[in-house]
Amino acid sequence: MSFLTRTEELILLSIWNLQDNAYGAAIRDHLTDVSGYDWSIGAIYIPLDRLAHKGYVRSFKGKPTPHRGGRSKRFFELTPDGKAALIKIRRVQDALWKSRPLAGLAGAK
C-alpha cells in the first residue's frame, strides 16, 4: 500500500484548484500563497515528474507565446488515478482527525 507524500498531495490539490491554469510557476505561486512558505521551482518539478511517472498527472504543452520567446508552457492535469489518490488520502486523514479533538493541539505553534 502506498500513500501520497504531503508534497505530492499539496501539488495535486493545487493542480485541482488551478484547473486549466496549472503550470509550474502557477502551481508554485499558489502553494506559496496558501502555505506562506516560499517554494522553489525544483520543489515543484521534481514531485511533478514523480507524479507523472506514477500516472497521477499528465502534462501537455500550451500554445507558444511571444512574451516567453515563442516557448510553450507545460500544463498539468489530474488523471483519474490522481483523483483517486487524493480521495484515498483524504479518507485516511479524515478518519485520523476525527479520532482526536483539536482542543489537544491548542498549545501547539
Protein backbone atom coordinates (compact mmCIF):
# COMPACT_ATOMS: atom_id res chain seq x y z
CA MET A 1 0.00 0.00 0.00
CA SER A 2 1.33 3.43 -0.84
CA PHE A 3 0.16 6.90 0.03
CA LEU A 4 0.93 10.27 -1.40
CA THR A 5 3.64 12.27 0.30
CA ARG A 6 2.45 15.55 1.79
CA THR A 7 4.22 17.47 -1.00
CA GLU A 8 2.60 15.30 -3.67
CA GLU A 9 -0.79 15.84 -2.06
CA LEU A 10 -0.33 19.63 -1.97
CA ILE A 11 0.78 19.72 -5.60
CA LEU A 12 -2.18 17.59 -6.73
CA LEU A 13 -4.55 19.83 -4.77
CA SER A 14 -3.00 22.91 -6.38
CA ILE A 15 -3.46 21.41 -9.84
CA TRP A 16 -7.07 20.64 -8.97
CA ASN A 17 -7.62 24.21 -7.73
CA LEU A 18 -5.88 25.87 -10.69
CA GLN A 19 -7.68 23.72 -13.29
CA ASP A 20 -6.77 24.99 -16.79
CA ASN A 21 -4.04 27.26 -15.43
CA ALA A 22 -1.92 24.56 -13.75
CA TYR A 23 1.65 25.04 -14.95
CA GLY A 24 4.85 25.03 -12.91
CA ALA A 25 5.11 28.70 -11.92
CA ALA A 26 1.36 29.00 -11.23
CA ILE A 27 1.47 25.87 -9.03
CA ARG A 28 4.48 27.31 -7.17
CA ASP A 29 2.76 30.68 -6.68
CA HIS A 30 -0.46 29.02 -5.50
CA LEU A 31 1.38 26.88 -2.95
CA THR A 32 3.38 29.90 -1.75
CA ASP A 33 0.19 31.95 -1.31
CA VAL A 34 -1.68 29.19 0.51
CA SER A 35 1.14 27.92 2.71
CA GLY A 36 3.07 31.13 3.39
CA TYR A 37 6.24 29.17 2.54
CA ASP A 38 8.43 30.19 -0.42
CA TRP A 39 8.53 27.10 -2.63
CA SER A 40 11.46 26.68 -5.01
CA ILE A 41 10.65 25.69 -8.56
CA GLY A 42 12.65 22.47 -8.02
CA ALA A 43 10.39 21.61 -5.10
CA ILE A 44 7.54 21.65 -7.62
CA TYR A 45 9.02 19.99 -10.71
CA ILE A 46 10.71 17.03 -9.02
CA PRO A 47 7.47 15.80 -7.39
CA LEU A 48 5.53 16.69 -10.57
CA ASP A 49 7.80 14.36 -12.55
CA ARG A 50 7.29 11.66 -9.91
CA LEU A 51 3.51 12.16 -10.04
CA ALA A 52 3.58 11.90 -13.84
CA HIS A 53 5.62 8.69 -13.60
CA LYS A 54 3.03 7.25 -11.17
CA GLY A 55 0.27 8.19 -13.61
CA TYR A 56 -1.39 10.73 -11.28
CA VAL A 57 -0.92 13.71 -13.60
CA ARG A 58 -0.46 14.17 -17.29
CA SER A 59 1.32 17.07 -18.87
CA PHE A 60 0.80 18.79 -22.18
CA LYS A 61 2.24 21.82 -23.95
CA GLY A 62 0.23 25.00 -24.33
CA LYS A 63 0.44 27.33 -27.29
CA PRO A 64 3.71 29.22 -27.72
CA THR A 65 3.53 32.82 -26.55
CA PRO A 66 5.58 35.81 -27.72
CA HIS A 67 6.37 37.00 -24.18
CA ARG A 68 8.02 33.61 -23.48
CA GLY A 69 10.22 33.89 -26.56
CA GLY A 70 7.98 31.53 -28.51
CA ARG A 71 8.20 28.78 -25.90
CA SER A 72 5.18 26.83 -24.67
CA LYS A 73 4.11 26.38 -21.07
CA ARG A 74 3.92 22.82 -19.75
CA PHE A 75 0.47 22.37 -18.22
CA PHE A 76 -0.64 19.62 -15.84
CA GLU A 77 -3.96 17.95 -15.17
CA LEU A 78 -5.09 15.24 -12.78
CA THR A 79 -5.72 11.78 -14.17
CA PRO A 80 -8.44 9.52 -12.77
CA ASP A 81 -5.70 7.74 -10.75
CA GLY A 82 -4.57 11.11 -9.36
CA LYS A 83 -8.11 11.95 -8.29
CA ALA A 84 -8.43 8.50 -6.67
CA ALA A 85 -5.16 9.03 -4.78
CA LEU A 86 -6.45 12.35 -3.41
CA ILE A 87 -9.72 10.74 -2.31
CA LYS A 88 -7.81 7.91 -0.64
CA ILE A 89 -5.53 10.20 1.37
CA ARG A 90 -8.46 12.46 2.30
CA ARG A 91 -10.39 9.50 3.73
CA VAL A 92 -7.39 8.41 5.80
CA GLN A 93 -6.79 11.94 7.11
CA ASP A 94 -10.48 12.47 7.92
CA ALA A 95 -10.53 9.22 9.90
CA LEU A 96 -7.39 10.18 11.81
CA TRP A 97 -8.54 13.74 12.54
CA LYS A 98 -11.95 12.55 13.66
CA SER A 99 -10.41 10.33 16.31
CA ARG A 100 -8.91 13.24 18.30
CA PRO A 101 -10.36 16.63 19.22
CA LEU A 102 -8.48 19.76 18.13
CA ALA A 103 -8.52 21.02 21.70
CA GLY A 104 -5.48 18.86 22.48
CA LEU A 105 -3.48 20.90 19.95
CA ALA A 106 -4.36 24.29 21.43
CA GLY A 107 -0.84 24.98 22.74
CA ALA A 108 0.93 23.98 19.51
CA LYS A 109 2.72 26.61 17.44
